[in-house]
């Protein structure tokens, strides 16, 4: 079939609501000598219209609309990501991983286990339809188990991310409360927290965050690779190398409230005293620091 505008195809058929046939949810592969291996390796296609999902090797689609064209025949509108297509269309696009395509798939029932499929590419129906057969039950069970594991892991990660977000201090410029607080804030020379950028800069150290762990609802422990500032002050304390610590955590933040935290570092195997109580600097300071970061200017203290 030659390339066809999807808008024209959409005008040719009107929805028929009488027949609500849907393909079985699960893995499909093209019949033939490689059918079993393609099923086992997930090389062809997975359809789950109940979960609004259609996917294949290196492409995946979210179903937006299903139209019944005739008994046993569907038109499925989708929003898709397709790594190969995105790179082929524009290799210089730095955002190719996030590019989305509006696609359509026509699915027609052939028999109890076989369907005919035609999918657009970049909005055009360039390829002819092909047949896909429902994979054996062993493959379907393995797919269902993998899908369930992925959902459980995604839920656990979301819960961990939420707990971490609640525990760690918000990103920005901090300084020890007391005399010259505003001056230290304005010079950005006390403490800068950037969990989003995986870095923490203290009055003494520059640290790259390697790993974090929520210890308590208000406390987060951090593994960081730290080096002393080029011109450390007389009271500078170096952060212990995580390789020499059993759990590798050499920094710790305790969140008092949205604007106050306590920072401890490990040195010689012990957390330093009662820690440093830090306060979040004013919004004006935060904007100034963000502006400096955007322009790449270096402020000399």
Protein backbone atom coordinates (compact mmCIF):
# COMPACT_ATOMS: atom_id res chain seq x y z
CA UNK A 1 0.00 0.00 0.00
CA UNK A 2 1.35 3.42 -0.89
CA UNK A 3 1.85 6.14 1.68
CA UNK A 4 -1.54 7.44 2.75
CA UNK A 5 -2.57 10.39 4.87
CA UNK A 6 -4.17 9.15 8.07
CA UNK A 7 -6.78 11.87 7.91
CA UNK A 8 -8.04 10.46 4.63
CA UNK A 9 -8.14 6.93 6.01
CA UNK A 10 -10.09 8.14 9.01
CA UNK A 11 -12.76 9.64 6.76
CA UNK A 12 -13.36 6.38 4.90
CA UNK A 13 -14.89 4.47 7.79
CA UNK A 14 -17.49 5.29 10.38
CA UNK A 15 -17.51 3.67 13.84
CA UNK A 16 -19.72 0.62 14.30
CA UNK A 17 -20.59 0.13 17.94
CA UNK A 18 -22.47 -3.17 17.59
CA UNK A 19 -19.38 -5.41 17.68
CA UNK A 20 -16.95 -4.87 20.56
CA UNK A 21 -14.34 -7.45 19.61
CA UNK A 22 -10.90 -6.80 21.01
CA UNK A 23 -7.68 -8.77 20.43
CA UNK A 24 -6.50 -10.86 23.35
CA UNK A 25 -4.12 -9.00 25.61
CA UNK A 26 -0.60 -10.38 25.37
CA UNK A 27 2.36 -11.08 23.13
CA UNK A 28 2.06 -11.64 19.38
CA UNK A 29 4.56 -12.71 16.73
CA UNK A 30 4.56 -13.32 13.00
CA UNK A 31 3.77 -16.98 12.18
CA UNK A 32 6.57 -19.00 10.63
CA UNK A 33 9.74 -20.85 11.52
CA UNK A 34 10.89 -18.15 13.96
CA UNK A 35 7.51 -17.83 15.66
CA UNK A 36 8.50 -19.48 18.96
CA UNK A 37 11.86 -17.72 19.27
CA UNK A 38 10.28 -14.35 18.48
CA UNK A 39 7.66 -15.00 21.15
CA UNK A 40 10.27 -16.00 23.73
CA UNK A 41 12.51 -13.02 22.97
CA UNK A 42 9.70 -10.46 22.67
CA UNK A 43 10.84 -9.44 19.21
CA UNK A 44 7.47 -8.61 17.67
CA UNK A 45 4.55 -6.98 19.45
CA UNK A 46 2.56 -6.77 22.68
CA UNK A 47 -1.05 -5.57 22.69
CA UNK A 48 -3.08 -4.68 25.77
CA UNK A 49 -5.94 -2.39 24.81
CA UNK A 50 -7.38 -2.73 28.31
CA UNK A 51 -4.25 -1.00 29.60
CA UNK A 52 -4.16 1.36 26.58
CA UNK A 53 -0.81 -0.04 25.50
CA UNK A 54 0.73 -1.33 22.26
CA UNK A 55 4.47 -1.91 21.96
CA UNK A 56 7.19 -3.52 19.91
CA UNK A 57 11.00 -3.66 19.81
CA UNK A 58 12.28 -0.13 20.57
CA UNK A 59 8.86 1.50 20.20
CA UNK A 60 5.91 1.89 22.50
CA UNK A 61 2.49 3.52 22.19
CA UNK A 62 -0.21 4.88 24.48
CA UNK A 63 -3.67 4.24 23.05
CA UNK A 64 -5.74 7.41 22.74
CA UNK A 65 -8.82 6.20 20.87
CA UNK A 66 -10.35 2.95 19.59
CA UNK A 67 -12.85 2.99 16.73
CA UNK A 68 -14.84 -0.10 15.70
CA UNK A 69 -14.82 -0.12 11.89
CA UNK A 70 -16.71 -3.39 11.38
CA UNK A 71 -17.22 -6.63 13.31
CA UNK A 72 -13.72 -7.84 14.19
CA UNK A 73 -12.02 -4.72 12.82
CA UNK A 74 -10.51 -1.79 14.73
CA UNK A 75 -8.74 1.48 14.14
CA UNK A 76 -6.51 2.44 17.07
CA UNK A 77 -5.19 5.99 17.47
CA UNK A 78 -1.95 6.17 19.44
CA UNK A 79 0.78 8.47 20.72
CA UNK A 80 4.11 6.69 20.29
CA UNK A 81 7.78 6.90 21.10
CA UNK A 82 10.10 5.32 18.53
CA UNK A 83 13.84 5.67 19.08
CA UNK A 84 14.89 4.51 15.62
CA UNK A 85 12.37 6.71 13.82
CA UNK A 86 13.28 9.77 15.89
CA UNK A 87 17.00 9.37 15.20
CA UNK A 88 16.50 8.67 11.50
CA UNK A 89 14.32 11.76 11.04
CA UNK A 90 16.70 14.13 12.79
CA UNK A 91 20.02 12.72 14.07
CA UNK A 92 20.96 16.17 15.42
CA UNK A 93 17.86 16.48 17.60
CA UNK A 94 19.16 16.53 21.18
CA UNK A 95 15.68 15.74 22.46
CA UNK A 96 15.06 12.73 20.22
CA UNK A 97 14.43 10.40 23.17
CA UNK A 98 11.36 12.43 24.15
CA UNK A 99 9.91 12.91 20.67
CA UNK A 100 6.32 11.69 20.25
CA UNK A 101 4.53 10.56 17.09
CA UNK A 102 0.81 10.38 16.35
CA UNK A 103 0.25 6.97 14.79
CA UNK A 104 -2.62 4.70 13.87
CA UNK A 105 -2.93 0.92 13.82
CA UNK A 106 -5.55 -1.13 12.01
CA UNK A 107 -6.25 -4.50 13.64
CA UNK A 108 -8.47 -7.13 12.04
CA UNK A 109 -9.50 -10.52 13.40
CA UNK A 110 -8.44 -13.44 11.19
CA UNK A 111 -9.32 -16.30 13.53
CA UNK A 112 -9.30 -17.10 17.25
CA UNK A 113 -5.53 -16.68 17.62
CA UNK A 114 -4.48 -14.63 14.59
CA UNK A 115 -4.88 -10.97 13.67
CA UNK A 116 -3.94 -8.78 10.72
CA UNK A 117 -2.05 -5.61 11.64
CA UNK A 118 -1.11 -2.46 9.78
CA UNK A 119 0.71 0.36 11.60
CA UNK A 120 1.61 3.82 10.39
CA UNK A 121 5.12 5.25 10.59
CA UNK A 122 5.46 8.97 11.24
CA UNK A 123 1.78 9.37 10.43
CA UNK A 124 1.89 7.54 7.09
CA UNK A 125 0.72 4.04 6.17
CA UNK A 126 3.84 3.02 4.27
CA UNK A 127 3.90 -0.72 5.00
CA UNK A 128 1.36 -3.36 4.06
CA UNK A 129 -0.53 -5.29 6.72
CA UNK A 130 1.04 -8.38 8.29
CA UNK A 131 -0.26 -11.30 10.31
CA UNK A 132 0.46 -11.81 13.98
CA UNK A 133 -0.39 -14.91 16.00
CA UNK A 134 -1.03 -15.09 19.73
CA UNK A 135 2.02 -16.54 21.46
CA UNK A 136 1.82 -19.77 23.53
CA UNK A 137 0.54 -19.66 27.10
CA UNK A 138 4.03 -20.12 28.56
CA UNK A 139 5.10 -16.88 26.89
CA UNK A 140 1.95 -15.10 28.06
CA UNK A 141 2.53 -16.21 31.67
CA UNK A 142 6.14 -15.03 31.56
CA UNK A 143 5.01 -11.69 30.13
CA UNK A 144 2.30 -11.31 32.78
CA UNK A 145 4.79 -12.05 35.56
CA UNK A 146 7.32 -9.57 34.14
CA UNK A 147 4.61 -6.92 33.80
CA UNK A 148 3.51 -7.47 37.40
CA UNK A 149 7.11 -7.23 38.65
CA UNK A 150 7.60 -4.01 36.70
CA UNK A 151 4.46 -2.52 38.25
CA UNK A 152 5.54 -3.51 41.76
CA UNK A 153 9.04 -2.11 41.21
CA UNK A 154 7.62 1.12 39.75
CA UNK A 155 5.34 1.51 42.78
CA UNK A 156 8.22 0.89 45.18
CA UNK A 157 10.42 3.39 43.35
CA UNK A 158 7.64 6.00 43.43
CA UNK A 159 7.25 5.47 47.17
CA UNK A 160 11.01 5.74 47.69
CA UNK A 161 11.20 8.89 45.58
CA UNK A 162 8.33 10.43 47.54
CA UNK A 163 9.96 9.55 50.86
CA UNK A 164 13.28 10.94 49.67
CA UNK A 165 11.67 14.14 48.46
CA UNK A 166 9.97 14.62 51.81
CA UNK A 167 13.17 13.89 53.75
CA UNK A 168 15.81 15.82 51.89
CA UNK A 169 16.10 19.61 52.06
CA UNK A 170 15.00 21.60 49.06
CA UNK A 171 17.66 22.65 46.61
CA UNK A 172 19.15 26.10 47.03
CA UNK A 173 21.56 28.32 48.92
CA UNK A 174 21.91 27.93 52.70
CA UNK A 175 23.98 29.61 55.38
CA UNK A 176 24.52 29.25 59.12
CA UNK A 177 22.17 31.50 61.06
CA UNK A 178 23.63 34.33 63.09
CA UNK A 179 25.86 37.31 62.46
CA UNK A 180 26.58 38.02 58.79
CA UNK A 181 23.94 35.50 57.67
CA UNK A 182 22.73 37.72 54.83
CA UNK A 183 26.30 38.42 53.73
CA UNK A 184 27.16 34.71 53.54
CA UNK A 185 23.95 34.09 51.63
CA UNK A 186 24.72 36.85 49.13
CA UNK A 187 28.22 35.46 48.49
CA UNK A 188 26.97 31.85 48.05
CA UNK A 189 30.01 30.79 50.10
CA UNK A 190 28.42 28.68 52.82
CA UNK A 191 26.33 25.74 51.57
CA UNK A 192 24.62 25.06 48.24
CA UNK A 193 22.37 22.00 48.02
CA UNK A 194 21.52 20.62 44.58
CA UNK A 195 19.97 17.16 44.82
CA UNK A 196 18.64 17.62 41.28
CA UNK A 197 22.18 18.22 40.07
CA UNK A 198 23.63 15.57 42.40
CA UNK A 199 25.97 17.98 44.16
CA UNK A 200 26.49 19.63 47.54
CA UNK A 201 28.94 22.47 48.11
CA UNK A 202 29.82 23.35 51.69
CA UNK A 203 32.09 26.00 53.14
CA UNK A 204 34.88 23.40 53.11
CA UNK A 205 34.02 20.77 50.50
CA UNK A 206 32.70 20.22 47.00
CA UNK A 207 30.77 16.95 46.86
CA UNK A 208 29.26 14.84 44.09
CA UNK A 209 26.28 12.81 45.30
CA UNK A 210 26.62 9.12 44.43
CA UNK A 211 23.77 7.60 46.44
CA UNK A 212 21.14 8.54 49.02
CA UNK A 213 19.12 6.67 51.63
CA UNK A 214 16.21 7.85 53.74
CA UNK A 215 17.01 6.80 57.31
CA UNK A 216 14.06 8.49 59.04
CA UNK A 217 11.12 10.49 57.68
CA UNK A 218 13.14 13.68 58.21
CA UNK A 219 16.68 12.37 57.71
CA UNK A 220 18.61 11.43 54.58
CA UNK A 221 22.09 9.91 54.52
CA UNK A 222 24.32 10.49 51.54
CA UNK A 223 27.26 8.80 49.88
CA UNK A 224 29.31 11.52 48.22
CA UNK A 225 32.68 11.91 46.56
CA UNK A 226 34.09 15.06 48.18
CA UNK A 227 37.19 17.21 47.78
CA UNK A 228 38.33 20.16 49.87
CA UNK A 229 37.72 23.61 48.45
CA UNK A 230 40.76 25.07 46.69
CA UNK A 231 41.15 27.66 49.47
CA UNK A 232 39.61 26.10 52.59
CA UNK A 233 39.25 28.18 55.71
CA UNK A 234 41.12 27.52 58.96
CA UNK A 235 38.19 25.52 60.36
CA UNK A 236 37.80 23.34 57.26
CA UNK A 237 37.03 19.66 57.86
CA UNK A 238 37.47 17.15 55.05
CA UNK A 239 34.74 14.60 54.36
CA UNK A 240 35.85 11.01 54.86
CA UNK A 241 36.25 8.84 51.75
CA UNK A 242 33.18 6.57 51.44
CA UNK A 243 35.46 3.63 50.56
CA UNK A 244 36.62 3.63 54.19
CA UNK A 245 33.09 3.61 55.67
CA UNK A 246 31.06 0.42 56.05
CA UNK A 247 27.78 1.79 54.66
CA UNK A 248 29.60 4.39 52.49
CA UNK A 249 27.42 7.24 53.83
CA UNK A 250 29.59 10.25 54.71
CA UNK A 251 27.03 13.09 54.85
CA UNK A 252 23.70 13.41 56.63
CA UNK A 253 20.91 15.98 56.51
CA UNK A 254 18.16 16.29 59.11
CA UNK A 255 15.25 18.42 57.98
CA UNK A 256 13.87 20.61 60.78
CA UNK A 257 11.37 22.47 58.60
CA UNK A 258 11.15 23.79 55.03
CA UNK A 259 13.80 26.43 55.75
CA UNK A 260 16.05 24.81 58.35
CA UNK A 261 18.33 21.76 58.20
CA UNK A 262 21.22 20.29 60.13
CA UNK A 263 24.21 18.98 58.17
CA UNK A 264 26.65 16.43 59.54
CA UNK A 265 29.77 15.10 57.86
CA UNK A 266 31.78 12.02 58.77
CA UNK A 267 35.43 12.58 59.57
CA UNK A 268 37.69 9.94 61.14
CA UNK A 269 34.78 7.54 61.44
CA UNK A 270 32.44 9.84 63.37
CA UNK A 271 29.81 12.46 62.61
CA UNK A 272 31.05 15.91 63.52
CA UNK A 273 29.55 17.09 66.81
CA UNK A 274 26.01 18.43 66.74
CA UNK A 275 26.23 19.28 63.05
CA UNK A 276 25.82 22.67 61.39
CA UNK A 277 22.39 24.27 61.57
CA UNK A 278 21.68 25.92 58.22
CA UNK A 279 18.89 28.25 57.14
CA UNK A 280 17.49 28.66 53.64
CA UNK A 281 18.47 32.02 52.17
CA UNK A 282 15.97 34.57 50.88
CA UNK A 283 14.12 34.22 47.58
CA UNK A 284 16.18 37.13 46.23
CA UNK A 285 19.39 35.19 46.91
CA UNK A 286 17.96 32.05 45.31
CA UNK A 287 17.05 34.00 42.16
CA UNK A 288 20.49 35.58 42.02
CA UNK A 289 22.21 32.21 42.35
CA UNK A 290 19.96 30.66 39.69
CA UNK A 291 20.77 33.57 37.39
CA UNK A 292 24.49 33.08 37.94
CA UNK A 293 24.16 29.40 37.15
CA UNK A 294 22.31 30.15 33.93
CA UNK A 295 24.86 32.63 32.68
CA UNK A 296 27.81 30.54 33.82
CA UNK A 297 29.43 33.46 35.60
CA UNK A 298 31.73 32.78 38.52
CA UNK A 299 31.33 34.89 41.64
CA UNK A 300 34.55 35.56 43.53
CA UNK A 301 34.19 35.62 47.28
